[in-house]
C-alpha atoms as a PDB file:
ATOM      1  CA  MET A   1     -13.851 -14.526   9.770  1.00  0.00           C
ATOM      2  CA  ALA A   2     -11.668 -11.699   8.495  1.00  0.00           C
ATOM      3  CA  ALA A   3      -7.918 -12.050   8.918  1.00  0.00           C
ATOM      4  CA  ILE A   4      -7.758  -8.507  10.354  1.00  0.00           C
ATOM      5  CA  GLU A   5     -10.582  -6.310  11.650  1.00  0.00           C
ATOM      6  CA  ILE A   6      -9.908  -2.718  12.699  1.00  0.00           C
ATOM      7  CA  GLU A   7     -12.650  -0.458  14.035  1.00  0.00           C
ATOM      8  CA  GLY A   8     -12.263   3.226  14.891  1.00  0.00           C
ATOM      9  CA  LEU A   9      -8.509   3.055  15.486  1.00  0.00           C
ATOM     10  CA  ARG A  10      -6.968   6.264  16.818  1.00  0.00           C
ATOM     11  CA  LYS A  11      -3.439   6.987  17.982  1.00  0.00           C
ATOM     12  CA  SER A  12      -2.301  10.296  19.446  1.00  0.00           C
ATOM     13  CA  TYR A  13       0.935  11.647  20.840  1.00  0.00           C
ATOM     14  CA  GLY A  14      -0.210  14.468  23.042  1.00  0.00           C
ATOM     15  CA  ARG A  15      -2.190  16.800  20.804  1.00  0.00           C
ATOM     16  CA  LEU A  16      -0.830  15.221  17.628  1.00  0.00           C
ATOM     17  CA  GLU A  17      -3.246  12.626  16.232  1.00  0.00           C
ATOM     18  CA  VAL A  18      -1.389  10.419  13.751  1.00  0.00           C
ATOM     19  CA  VAL A  19      -4.123   7.827  13.103  1.00  0.00           C
ATOM     20  CA  ARG A  20      -7.672   9.161  12.910  1.00  0.00           C
ATOM     21  CA  GLY A  21     -10.596   6.783  13.291  1.00  0.00           C
ATOM     22  CA  LEU A  22      -9.315   4.104  10.909  1.00  0.00           C
ATOM     23  CA  SER A  23     -11.630   1.156  10.153  1.00  0.00           C
ATOM     24  CA  LEU A  24     -10.936  -1.671   7.698  1.00  0.00           C
ATOM     25  CA  ARG A  25     -11.156  -5.433   7.139  1.00  0.00           C
ATOM     26  CA  VAL A  26      -8.551  -7.638   5.526  1.00  0.00           C
ATOM     27  CA  GLU A  27     -10.399 -10.688   4.220  1.00  0.00           C
ATOM     28  CA  GLN A  28      -8.764 -14.089   4.379  1.00  0.00           C
ATOM     29  CA  GLY A  29      -7.034 -14.987   1.118  1.00  0.00           C
ATOM     30  CA  SER A  30      -6.724 -11.370  -0.009  1.00  0.00           C
ATOM     31  CA  VAL A  31      -3.650  -9.261  -0.720  1.00  0.00           C
ATOM     32  CA  TYR A  32      -4.346  -5.933   0.975  1.00  0.00           C
ATOM     33  CA  GLY A  33      -2.176  -2.899   0.220  1.00  0.00           C
ATOM     34  CA  LEU A  34      -2.145  -0.146   2.849  1.00  0.00           C
ATOM     35  CA  VAL A  35      -0.609   2.622   0.765  1.00  0.00           C
ATOM     36  CA  GLY A  36       0.283   6.250   1.279  1.00  0.00           C
ATOM     37  CA  PRO A  37       3.246   8.609   1.559  1.00  0.00           C
ATOM     38  CA  ASN A  38       5.879   8.430   4.284  1.00  0.00           C
ATOM     39  CA  GLY A  39       4.418   9.893   7.467  1.00  0.00           C
ATOM     40  CA  SER A  40       0.823   8.998   6.601  1.00  0.00           C
ATOM     41  CA  GLY A  41       0.407   6.667   9.599  1.00  0.00           C
ATOM     42  CA  LYS A  42       1.037   3.268   7.985  1.00  0.00           C
ATOM     43  CA  THR A  43       3.715   2.012  10.373  1.00  0.00           C
ATOM     44  CA  THR A  44       1.858   3.394  13.402  1.00  0.00           C
ATOM     45  CA  THR A  45      -1.251   1.540  12.277  1.00  0.00           C
ATOM     46  CA  LEU A  46       0.674  -1.726  11.894  1.00  0.00           C
ATOM     47  CA  SER A  47       2.329  -1.238  15.285  1.00  0.00           C
ATOM     48  CA  CYS A  48      -1.110  -0.907  16.914  1.00  0.00           C
ATOM     49  CA  VAL A  49      -2.426  -3.924  15.013  1.00  0.00           C
ATOM     50  CA  LEU A  50       0.524  -6.074  16.089  1.00  0.00           C
ATOM     51  CA  GLY A  51       0.437  -5.060  19.737  1.00  0.00           C
ATOM     52  CA  LEU A  52       3.706  -3.123  19.601  1.00  0.00           C
ATOM     53  CA  MET A  53       1.945   0.127  20.419  1.00  0.00           C
ATOM     54  CA  ARG A  54      -1.205   0.785  22.443  1.00  0.00           C
ATOM     55  CA  PRO A  55      -3.854   2.707  20.482  1.00  0.00           C
ATOM     56  CA  THR A  56      -5.539   5.723  22.031  1.00  0.00           C
ATOM     57  CA  SER A  57      -8.910   4.185  21.186  1.00  0.00           C
ATOM     58  CA  GLY A  58     -10.531   1.658  18.854  1.00  0.00           C
ATOM     59  CA  SER A  59     -10.459  -2.103  18.539  1.00  0.00           C
ATOM     60  CA  VAL A  60      -8.343  -4.606  16.599  1.00  0.00           C
ATOM     61  CA  ARG A  61      -8.697  -8.323  15.922  1.00  0.00           C
ATOM     62  CA  VAL A  62      -6.043 -10.408  14.175  1.00  0.00           C
ATOM     63  CA  LEU A  63      -7.218 -13.914  13.254  1.00  0.00           C
ATOM     64  CA  GLY A  64      -9.779 -13.482  15.991  1.00  0.00           C
ATOM     65  CA  GLU A  65      -7.329 -12.397  18.709  1.00  0.00           C
ATOM     66  CA  THR A  66      -6.732  -8.967  20.264  1.00  0.00           C
ATOM     67  CA  PRO A  67      -3.230  -7.446  19.918  1.00  0.00           C
ATOM     68  CA  GLY A  68      -2.388  -8.364  23.516  1.00  0.00           C
ATOM     69  CA  ARG A  69      -3.040 -12.047  22.833  1.00  0.00           C
ATOM     70  CA  LEU A  70      -1.268 -12.536  19.513  1.00  0.00           C
ATOM     71  CA  HIS A  71       1.122 -14.995  21.154  1.00  0.00           C
ATOM     72  CA  ARG A  72      -1.788 -17.434  21.084  1.00  0.00           C
ATOM     73  CA  LEU A  73      -1.595 -17.485  17.268  1.00  0.00           C
ATOM     74  CA  GLY A  74       1.800 -19.195  17.238  1.00  0.00           C
ATOM     75  CA  GLY A  75       3.001 -19.664  13.679  1.00  0.00           C
ATOM     76  CA  ARG A  76      -0.314 -18.601  12.113  1.00  0.00           C
ATOM     77  CA  LEU A  77       0.951 -14.973  12.005  1.00  0.00           C
ATOM     78  CA  ALA A  78       4.301 -13.775  10.646  1.00  0.00           C
ATOM     79  CA  VAL A  79       5.660 -10.242  10.370  1.00  0.00           C
ATOM     80  CA  VAL A  80       8.536  -8.680   8.414  1.00  0.00           C
ATOM     81  CA  PHE A  81       9.390  -5.067   9.165  1.00  0.00           C
ATOM     82  CA  ASP A  82      11.178  -2.579   6.917  1.00  0.00           C
ATOM     83  CA  THR A  83      14.581  -3.305   8.449  1.00  0.00           C
ATOM     84  CA  ALA A  84      15.395  -6.916   7.623  1.00  0.00           C
ATOM     85  CA  ILE A  85      17.344  -8.538  10.478  1.00  0.00           C
ATOM     86  CA  ALA A  86      19.648 -11.540  10.155  1.00  0.00           C
ATOM     87  CA  ALA A  87      22.648 -12.883  12.050  1.00  0.00           C
ATOM     88  CA  PRO A  88      25.422 -11.410   9.866  1.00  0.00           C
ATOM     89  CA  GLN A  89      28.115 -13.969  10.785  1.00  0.00           C
ATOM     90  CA  LEU A  90      25.889 -16.914   9.838  1.00  0.00           C
ATOM     91  CA  SER A  91      25.212 -18.183   6.346  1.00  0.00           C
ATOM     92  CA  VAL A  92      21.781 -17.951   4.744  1.00  0.00           C
ATOM     93  CA  ARG A  93      21.120 -21.615   5.499  1.00  0.00           C
ATOM     94  CA  GLN A  94      22.414 -21.288   9.075  1.00  0.00           C
ATOM     95  CA  ASN A  95      20.070 -18.356   9.663  1.00  0.00           C
ATOM     96  CA  LEU A  96      17.115 -20.509   8.635  1.00  0.00           C
ATOM     97  CA  ARG A  97      18.288 -23.390  10.847  1.00  0.00           C
ATOM     98  CA  TYR A  98      18.622 -21.051  13.810  1.00  0.00           C
ATOM     99  CA  LEU A  99      15.078 -19.781  13.271  1.00  0.00           C
ATOM    100  CA  ALA A 100      13.873 -23.377  12.883  1.00  0.00           C
ATOM    101  CA  ARG A 101      15.238 -24.191  16.352  1.00  0.00           C
ATOM    102  CA  LEU A 102      13.276 -21.249  17.760  1.00  0.00           C
ATOM    103  CA  ASN A 103      10.149 -22.704  16.129  1.00  0.00           C
ATOM    104  CA  ARG A 104      10.740 -26.240  17.391  1.00  0.00           C
ATOM    105  CA  GLY A 105       7.496 -28.153  17.859  1.00  0.00           C
ATOM    106  CA  ARG A 106       5.725 -26.585  14.872  1.00  0.00           C
ATOM    107  CA  GLU A 107       5.283 -28.026  11.405  1.00  0.00           C
ATOM    108  CA  LEU A 108       7.971 -26.241   9.416  1.00  0.00           C
ATOM    109  CA  ARG A 109       8.755 -25.885   5.730  1.00  0.00           C
ATOM    110  CA  ASP A 110      11.822 -27.636   4.397  1.00  0.00           C
ATOM    111  CA  GLU A 111      14.747 -25.201   4.224  1.00  0.00           C
ATOM    112  CA  ASP A 112      15.566 -26.080   0.607  1.00  0.00           C
ATOM    113  CA  GLU A 113      11.933 -25.442  -0.326  1.00  0.00           C
ATOM    114  CA  LEU A 114      12.135 -22.045   1.360  1.00  0.00           C
ATOM    115  CA  LEU A 115      15.405 -21.125  -0.317  1.00  0.00           C
ATOM    116  CA  SER A 116      13.913 -21.982  -3.695  1.00  0.00           C
ATOM    117  CA  LEU A 117      10.726 -20.057  -2.919  1.00  0.00           C
ATOM    118  CA  VAL A 118      12.602 -16.821  -2.135  1.00  0.00           C
ATOM    119  CA  GLY A 119      15.251 -17.307  -4.834  1.00  0.00           C
ATOM    120  CA  LEU A 120      18.259 -17.755  -2.533  1.00  0.00           C
ATOM    121  CA  THR A 121      19.269 -21.338  -3.341  1.00  0.00           C
ATOM    122  CA  LYS A 122      22.558 -20.284  -4.965  1.00  0.00           C
ATOM    123  CA  LEU A 123      23.377 -18.101  -1.943  1.00  0.00           C
ATOM    124  CA  ALA A 124      22.642 -20.739   0.719  1.00  0.00           C
ATOM    125  CA  SER A 125      26.292 -20.821   1.845  1.00  0.00           C
ATOM    126  CA  ALA A 126      26.857 -17.063   1.655  1.00  0.00           C
ATOM    127  CA  ARG A 127      27.165 -15.077   4.862  1.00  0.00           C
ATOM    128  CA  ALA A 128      24.193 -12.866   5.587  1.00  0.00           C
ATOM    129  CA  SER A 129      26.564  -9.900   5.889  1.00  0.00           C
ATOM    130  CA  SER A 130      27.425 -10.250   2.179  1.00  0.00           C
ATOM    131  CA  LEU A 131      23.826 -10.062   0.952  1.00  0.00           C
ATOM    132  CA  SER A 132      22.284  -7.088  -0.788  1.00  0.00           C
ATOM    133  CA  LEU A 133      19.331  -5.265   0.773  1.00  0.00           C
ATOM    134  CA  GLY A 134      16.874  -7.129  -1.439  1.00  0.00           C
ATOM    135  CA  GLN A 135      18.469 -10.486  -0.634  1.00  0.00           C
ATOM    136  CA  ARG A 136      18.344  -9.743   3.110  1.00  0.00           C
ATOM    137  CA  LYS A 137      14.665  -8.903   2.789  1.00  0.00           C
ATOM    138  CA  ARG A 138      14.007 -12.175   0.994  1.00  0.00           C
ATOM    139  CA  LEU A 139      15.903 -14.027   3.729  1.00  0.00           C
ATOM    140  CA  ALA A 140      13.729 -12.324   6.349  1.00  0.00           C
ATOM    141  CA  ILE A 141      10.615 -13.384   4.414  1.00  0.00           C
ATOM    142  CA  ALA A 142      11.940 -16.951   4.230  1.00  0.00           C
ATOM    143  CA  GLY A 143      12.316 -16.960   8.012  1.00  0.00           C
ATOM    144  CA  ALA A 144       8.786 -15.603   8.406  1.00  0.00           C
ATOM    145  CA  LEU A 145       7.429 -18.413   6.210  1.00  0.00           C
ATOM    146  CA  LEU A 146       9.063 -21.247   8.163  1.00  0.00           C
ATOM    147  CA  ALA A 147       5.961 -22.057  10.220  1.00  0.00           C
ATOM    148  CA  ARG A 148       3.551 -21.828   7.253  1.00  0.00           C
ATOM    149  CA  PRO A 149       1.662 -18.724   8.437  1.00  0.00           C
ATOM    150  CA  GLU A 150      -1.906 -17.993   7.413  1.00  0.00           C
ATOM    151  CA  LEU A 151      -1.259 -14.237   7.583  1.00  0.00           C
ATOM    152  CA  LEU A 152       1.923 -12.417   6.560  1.00  0.00           C
ATOM    153  CA  VAL A 153       2.322  -8.721   7.404  1.00  0.00           C
ATOM    154  CA  LEU A 154       5.089  -6.776   5.648  1.00  0.00           C
ATOM    155  CA  ASP A 155       6.001  -3.152   6.383  1.00  0.00           C
ATOM    156  CA  GLU A 156       7.544  -1.361   3.362  1.00  0.00           C
ATOM    157  CA  PRO A 157       8.758  -4.600   1.737  1.00  0.00           C
ATOM    158  CA  LEU A 158       9.924  -2.788  -1.429  1.00  0.00           C
ATOM    159  CA  SER A 159      11.708   0.111   0.263  1.00  0.00           C
ATOM    160  CA  GLY A 160      15.247   0.633  -0.996  1.00  0.00           C
ATOM    161  CA  LEU A 161      15.075  -2.112  -3.632  1.00  0.00           C
ATOM    162  CA  ASP A 162      16.265  -1.720  -7.194  1.00  0.00           C
ATOM    163  CA  THR A 163      14.091  -2.730 -10.146  1.00  0.00           C
ATOM    164  CA  LEU A 164      15.288  -6.351 -10.105  1.00  0.00           C
ATOM    165  CA  GLY A 165      14.711  -6.657  -6.363  1.00  0.00           C
ATOM    166  CA  VAL A 166      11.183  -5.273  -6.721  1.00  0.00           C
ATOM    167  CA  ARG A 167      10.410  -7.776  -9.513  1.00  0.00           C
ATOM    168  CA  GLN A 168      11.693 -10.671  -7.409  1.00  0.00           C
ATOM    169  CA  CYS A 169       9.642  -9.656  -4.369  1.00  0.00           C
ATOM    170  CA  LEU A 170       6.466  -9.186  -6.395  1.00  0.00           C
ATOM    171  CA  ARG A 171       6.853 -12.660  -7.888  1.00  0.00           C
ATOM    172  CA  LEU A 172       7.301 -14.040  -4.382  1.00  0.00           C
ATOM    173  CA  PHE A 173       4.160 -12.293  -3.103  1.00  0.00           C
ATOM    174  CA  ARG A 174       2.145 -13.663  -6.040  1.00  0.00           C
ATOM    175  CA  SER A 175       3.300 -17.195  -5.319  1.00  0.00           C
ATOM    176  CA  LEU A 176       2.363 -16.829  -1.636  1.00  0.00           C
ATOM    177  CA  ALA A 177      -1.069 -15.495  -2.575  1.00  0.00           C
ATOM    178  CA  ASP A 178      -1.521 -18.477  -4.896  1.00  0.00           C
ATOM    179  CA  GLU A 179      -0.837 -20.715  -1.889  1.00  0.00           C
ATOM    180  CA  GLY A 180      -3.669 -19.023  -0.002  1.00  0.00           C
ATOM    181  CA  VAL A 181      -1.553 -16.903   2.352  1.00  0.00           C
ATOM    182  CA  THR A 182      -3.271 -13.639   3.347  1.00  0.00           C
ATOM    183  CA  LEU A 183      -0.933 -10.665   2.827  1.00  0.00           C
ATOM    184  CA  LEU A 184      -1.062  -7.198   4.366  1.00  0.00           C
ATOM    185  CA  LEU A 185       1.506  -4.971   2.657  1.00  0.00           C
ATOM    186  CA  SER A 186       2.258  -1.447   3.834  1.00  0.00           C
ATOM    187  CA  SER A 187       4.020   0.667   1.226  1.00  0.00           C
ATOM    188  CA  HIS A 188       4.441   4.090  -0.359  1.00  0.00           C
ATOM    189  CA  ARG A 189       5.286   2.427  -3.706  1.00  0.00           C
ATOM    190  CA  LEU A 190       1.887   2.928  -5.349  1.00  0.00           C
ATOM    191  CA  HIS A 191       2.696   1.710  -8.859  1.00  0.00           C
ATOM    192  CA  GLU A 192       4.205  -1.581  -7.714  1.00  0.00           C
ATOM    193  CA  MET A 193       1.459  -2.231  -5.156  1.00  0.00           C
ATOM    194  CA  GLN A 194      -1.145  -1.954  -7.896  1.00  0.00           C
ATOM    195  CA  GLU A 195       0.433  -4.950  -9.622  1.00  0.00           C
ATOM    196  CA  ILE A 196      -0.104  -7.326  -6.692  1.00  0.00           C
ATOM    197  CA  VAL A 197      -2.944  -6.223  -4.392  1.00  0.00           C
ATOM    198  CA  THR A 198      -6.551  -7.371  -4.564  1.00  0.00           C
ATOM    199  CA  HIS A 199      -7.734  -4.709  -2.095  1.00  0.00           C
ATOM    200  CA  ALA A 200      -6.300  -1.324  -1.155  1.00  0.00           C
ATOM    201  CA  GLY A 201      -6.631   1.427   1.391  1.00  0.00           C
ATOM    202  CA  VAL A 202      -5.116   4.876   0.862  1.00  0.00           C
ATOM    203  CA  LEU A 203      -3.891   6.635   4.011  1.00  0.00           C
ATOM    204  CA  LEU A 204      -3.368  10.390   3.962  1.00  0.00           C
ATOM    205  CA  GLY A 205      -2.714  12.432   7.075  1.00  0.00           C
ATOM    206  CA  GLY A 206      -3.659   9.502   9.293  1.00  0.00           C
ATOM    207  CA  GLU A 207      -7.068   9.066   7.660  1.00  0.00           C
ATOM    208  CA  LEU A 208      -8.163   6.135   5.516  1.00  0.00           C
ATOM    209  CA  ARG A 209      -9.469   8.135   2.580  1.00  0.00           C
ATOM    210  CA  VAL A 210     -10.308   5.233   0.232  1.00  0.00           C
ATOM    211  CA  ASN A 211     -10.772   1.544   1.032  1.00  0.00           C
ATOM    212  CA  GLY A 212     -12.079  -1.473  -0.886  1.00  0.00           C
ATOM    213  CA  PRO A 213     -11.458  -3.937  -3.721  1.00  0.00           C
ATOM    214  CA  LEU A 214      -8.839  -2.657  -6.153  1.00  0.00           C
ATOM    215  CA  ASP A 215     -11.250  -2.145  -9.055  1.00  0.00           C
ATOM    216  CA  GLU A 216     -13.526  -0.002  -6.854  1.00  0.00           C
ATOM    217  CA  VAL A 217     -10.594   2.066  -5.620  1.00  0.00           C
ATOM    218  CA  LEU A 218      -9.326   2.627  -9.171  1.00  0.00           C
ATOM    219  CA  GLY A 219     -12.853   3.607 -10.173  1.00  0.00           C
ATOM    220  CA  ARG A 220     -12.322   6.907  -8.354  1.00  0.00           C
ATOM    221  CA  ALA A 221      -9.940   7.873 -11.175  1.00  0.00           C
ATOM    222  CA  ARG A 222     -12.428   7.022 -13.918  1.00  0.00           C
ATOM    223  CA  GLY A 223     -13.329  10.002 -16.084  1.00  0.00           C
ATOM    224  CA  ARG A 224     -10.554  12.232 -14.736  1.00  0.00           C
ATOM    225  CA  TYR A 225      -8.905  14.570 -17.234  1.00  0.00           C
ATOM    226  CA  ARG A 226      -6.001  16.996 -17.148  1.00  0.00           C
ATOM    227  CA  VAL A 227      -6.257  20.256 -19.082  1.00  0.00           C
ATOM    228  CA  GLU A 228      -3.548  22.749 -19.959  1.00  0.00           C
ATOM    229  CA  ALA A 229      -4.853  25.840 -21.697  1.00  0.00           C
ATOM    230  CA  GLN A 230      -4.200  29.579 -21.833  1.00  0.00           C
ATOM    231  CA  PRO A 231      -5.549  31.724 -20.375  1.00  0.00           C
ATOM    232  CA  LEU A 232      -6.232  29.256 -17.564  1.00  0.00           C
ATOM    233  CA  ASP A 233      -8.846  31.385 -15.786  1.00  0.00           C
ATOM    234  CA  ARG A 234     -10.868  31.594 -19.002  1.00  0.00           C
ATOM    235  CA  ALA A 235     -10.543  27.823 -19.487  1.00  0.00           C
ATOM    236  CA  ARG A 236     -11.834  27.279 -15.951  1.00  0.00           C
ATOM    237  CA  GLU A 237     -14.896  29.467 -16.597  1.00  0.00           C
ATOM    238  CA  ILE A 238     -15.707  27.548 -19.786  1.00  0.00           C
ATOM    239  CA  ALA A 239     -15.228  24.161 -18.075  1.00  0.00           C
ATOM    240  CA  GLU A 240     -17.547  25.197 -15.238  1.00  0.00           C
ATOM    241  CA  ARG A 241     -20.272  26.064 -17.783  1.00  0.00           C
ATOM    242  CA  THR A 242     -19.890  22.873 -19.863  1.00  0.00           C
ATOM    243  CA  GLU A 243     -22.502  20.199 -19.203  1.00  0.00           C
ATOM    244  CA  GLY A 244     -21.041  16.928 -17.942  1.00  0.00           C
ATOM    245  CA  VAL A 245     -17.831  18.560 -16.690  1.00  0.00           C
ATOM    246  CA  ASP A 246     -16.907  19.097 -13.025  1.00  0.00           C
ATOM    247  CA  VAL A 247     -13.827  21.125 -12.097  1.00  0.00           C
ATOM    248  CA  LEU A 248     -11.986  19.249  -9.355  1.00  0.00           C
ATOM    249  CA  PRO A 249     -10.095  20.914  -6.507  1.00  0.00           C
ATOM    250  CA  THR A 250      -6.350  21.070  -7.075  1.00  0.00           C
ATOM    251  CA  ASP A 251      -3.328  23.018  -5.897  1.00  0.00           C
ATOM    252  CA  ALA A 252      -1.845  22.910  -9.418  1.00  0.00           C
ATOM    253  CA  ARG A 253      -1.354  26.408 -10.861  1.00  0.00           C
ATOM    254  CA  GLN A 254      -0.643  25.541 -14.501  1.00  0.00           C
ATOM    255  CA  GLU A 255      -3.479  23.103 -15.249  1.00  0.00           C
ATOM    256  CA  LEU A 256      -7.030  22.058 -14.466  1.00  0.00           C
ATOM    257  CA  ARG A 257      -8.171  18.686 -13.164  1.00  0.00           C
ATOM    258  CA  LEU A 258     -11.647  17.692 -14.323  1.00  0.00           C
ATOM    259  CA  HIS A 259     -14.178  14.909 -14.037  1.00  0.00           C
ATOM    260  CA  VAL A 260     -15.775  14.405 -17.442  1.00  0.00           C
ATOM    261  CA  ASP A 261     -18.879  12.317 -18.184  1.00  0.00           C
ATOM    262  CA  GLY A 262     -19.404  10.401 -21.434  1.00  0.00           C
ATOM    263  CA  ASP A 263     -18.763  12.462 -24.566  1.00  0.00           C
ATOM    264  CA  ALA A 264     -18.409  15.747 -22.673  1.00  0.00           C
ATOM    265  CA  ALA A 265     -14.665  15.813 -23.451  1.00  0.00           C
ATOM    266  CA  ALA A 266     -15.397  16.572 -27.116  1.00  0.00           C
ATOM    267  CA  ARG A 267     -17.865  19.324 -26.160  1.00  0.00           C
ATOM    268  CA  LEU A 268     -15.323  20.817 -23.787  1.00  0.00           C
ATOM    269  CA  SER A 269     -12.576  20.778 -26.403  1.00  0.00           C
ATOM    270  CA  ARG A 270     -14.782  22.647 -28.890  1.00  0.00           C
ATOM    271  CA  ALA A 271     -15.937  25.103 -26.227  1.00  0.00           C
ATOM    272  CA  LEU A 272     -12.375  25.921 -25.213  1.00  0.00           C
ATOM    273  CA  VAL A 273     -11.235  26.573 -28.769  1.00  0.00           C
ATOM    274  CA  GLU A 274     -14.370  28.577 -29.639  1.00  0.00           C
ATOM    275  CA  GLY A 275     -13.947  30.500 -26.394  1.00  0.00           C
ATOM    276  CA  GLY A 276     -10.537  31.757 -27.462  1.00  0.00           C
ATOM    277  CA  CYS A 277      -8.362  29.442 -25.369  1.00  0.00           C
ATOM    278  CA  GLU A 278      -5.098  28.008 -26.614  1.00  0.00           C
ATOM    279  CA  LEU A 279      -5.542  24.321 -25.733  1.00  0.00           C
ATOM    280  CA  SER A 280      -2.303  22.394 -25.409  1.00  0.00           C
ATOM    281  CA  VAL A 281      -3.409  19.331 -23.363  1.00  0.00           C
ATOM    282  CA  LEU A 282      -6.735  17.591 -22.856  1.00  0.00           C
ATOM    283  CA  ALA A 283      -5.812  14.118 -21.650  1.00  0.00           C
ATOM    284  CA  ARG A 284      -7.585  11.337 -19.795  1.00  0.00           C
ATOM    285  CA  GLU A 285      -5.667  10.344 -16.676  1.00  0.00           C
ATOM    286  CA  GLU A 286      -4.676   6.747 -16.104  1.00  0.00           C
ATOM    287  CA  GLU A 287      -6.832   4.720 -13.719  1.00  0.00           C
ATOM    288  CA  SER A 288      -4.134   3.982 -11.155  1.00  0.00           C
ATOM    289  CA  LEU A 289      -3.442   4.169  -7.443  1.00  0.00           C
ATOM    290  CA  GLN A 290      -1.129   7.082  -8.187  1.00  0.00           C
ATOM    291  CA  THR A 291      -3.935   9.009  -9.888  1.00  0.00           C
ATOM    292  CA  VAL A 292      -6.357   8.216  -7.068  1.00  0.00           C
ATOM    293  CA  PHE A 293      -3.781   9.358  -4.530  1.00  0.00           C
ATOM    294  CA  GLU A 294      -3.043  12.597  -6.390  1.00  0.00           C
ATOM    295  CA  GLY A 295      -6.757  13.330  -6.503  1.00  0.00           C
ATOM    296  CA  LEU A 296      -7.021  12.824  -2.745  1.00  0.00           C
ATOM    297  CA  VAL A 297      -4.031  15.126  -2.183  1.00  0.00           C
ATOM    298  CA  ASP A 298      -5.693  17.787  -4.357  1.00  0.00           C
ATOM    299  CA  GLU A 299      -8.906  17.490  -2.325  1.00  0.00           C
ATOM    300  CA  HIS A 300      -6.941  17.634   0.940  1.00  0.00           C
ATOM    301  CA  PHE A 301      -5.093  20.845   0.096  1.00  0.00           C
ATOM    302  CA  ALA A 302      -8.187  22.460  -1.417  1.00  0.00           C
ATOM    303  CA  ALA A 303     -10.084  21.753   1.822  1.00  0.00           C
ATOM    304  CA  GLU A 304      -7.227  23.262   3.843  1.00  0.00           C
ATOM    305  CA  ALA A 305      -7.286  26.378   1.649  1.00  0.00           C
ATOM    306  CA  ARG A 306     -11.028  26.801   2.231  1.00  0.00           C
ATOM    307  CA  ALA A 307     -10.724  26.322   6.009  1.00  0.00           C
END
């Protein structure tokens, strides 16, 4: 059984459709990154999945339950939203004890174990109001982990964190994954997400444009090159005639984006120089979520221009 199954999810506000036919599976034991820019539909998708918002159409199952019956899951599901909430007048330890009382009757983690897990042991006596943003987020995660959930959903867990805070949270997510906790992370921080996820989906304009295991998603960037040459129109004509080279759609005005097979890069370089172009850059692009996303953005705007 998948931890989360979404089929044909749509959400509209009047004529504005913000999630468009989204389908995906989050397998148990995976770390799934739902990535995309702000406004791409990530939080709306999570709100529909968690029963906080009613979708216009489509179906959702979370650990086998529909969004309207998630209360049946008890402590098996935990959620941490972008805004970390804690009782500011209470200490870190007192916050955990308060949450433990709310979870009475369930098998709970020891509070010292939790504090160590999220790196807040030395701040156990500090008031929540004195914590930094990253520390408050880690406290919220500690509270979410009290009942030993099978599935942890985090909306923008790295938002607003400095470099140290990001490192600390990534280490925490790795340790949870090692314990077998399934993680669904929603974020616009593409570079950092690539370090932790096993599977990824890229949302753009409410559509899930790419979805699958991380290596398959990154494979979309394989063979992509960036070219800067003058005159650019002449360079484009030569690239279009070169065997093994496809000119990709892009809204960039000072460069070309290409897909290059095998040793075609060397042939293209020679053809550009022999064709009278001043070649300043012919570089393979990194296989990364950022590169995949930029390629999708290029395709999106090129399609809009043709429409």
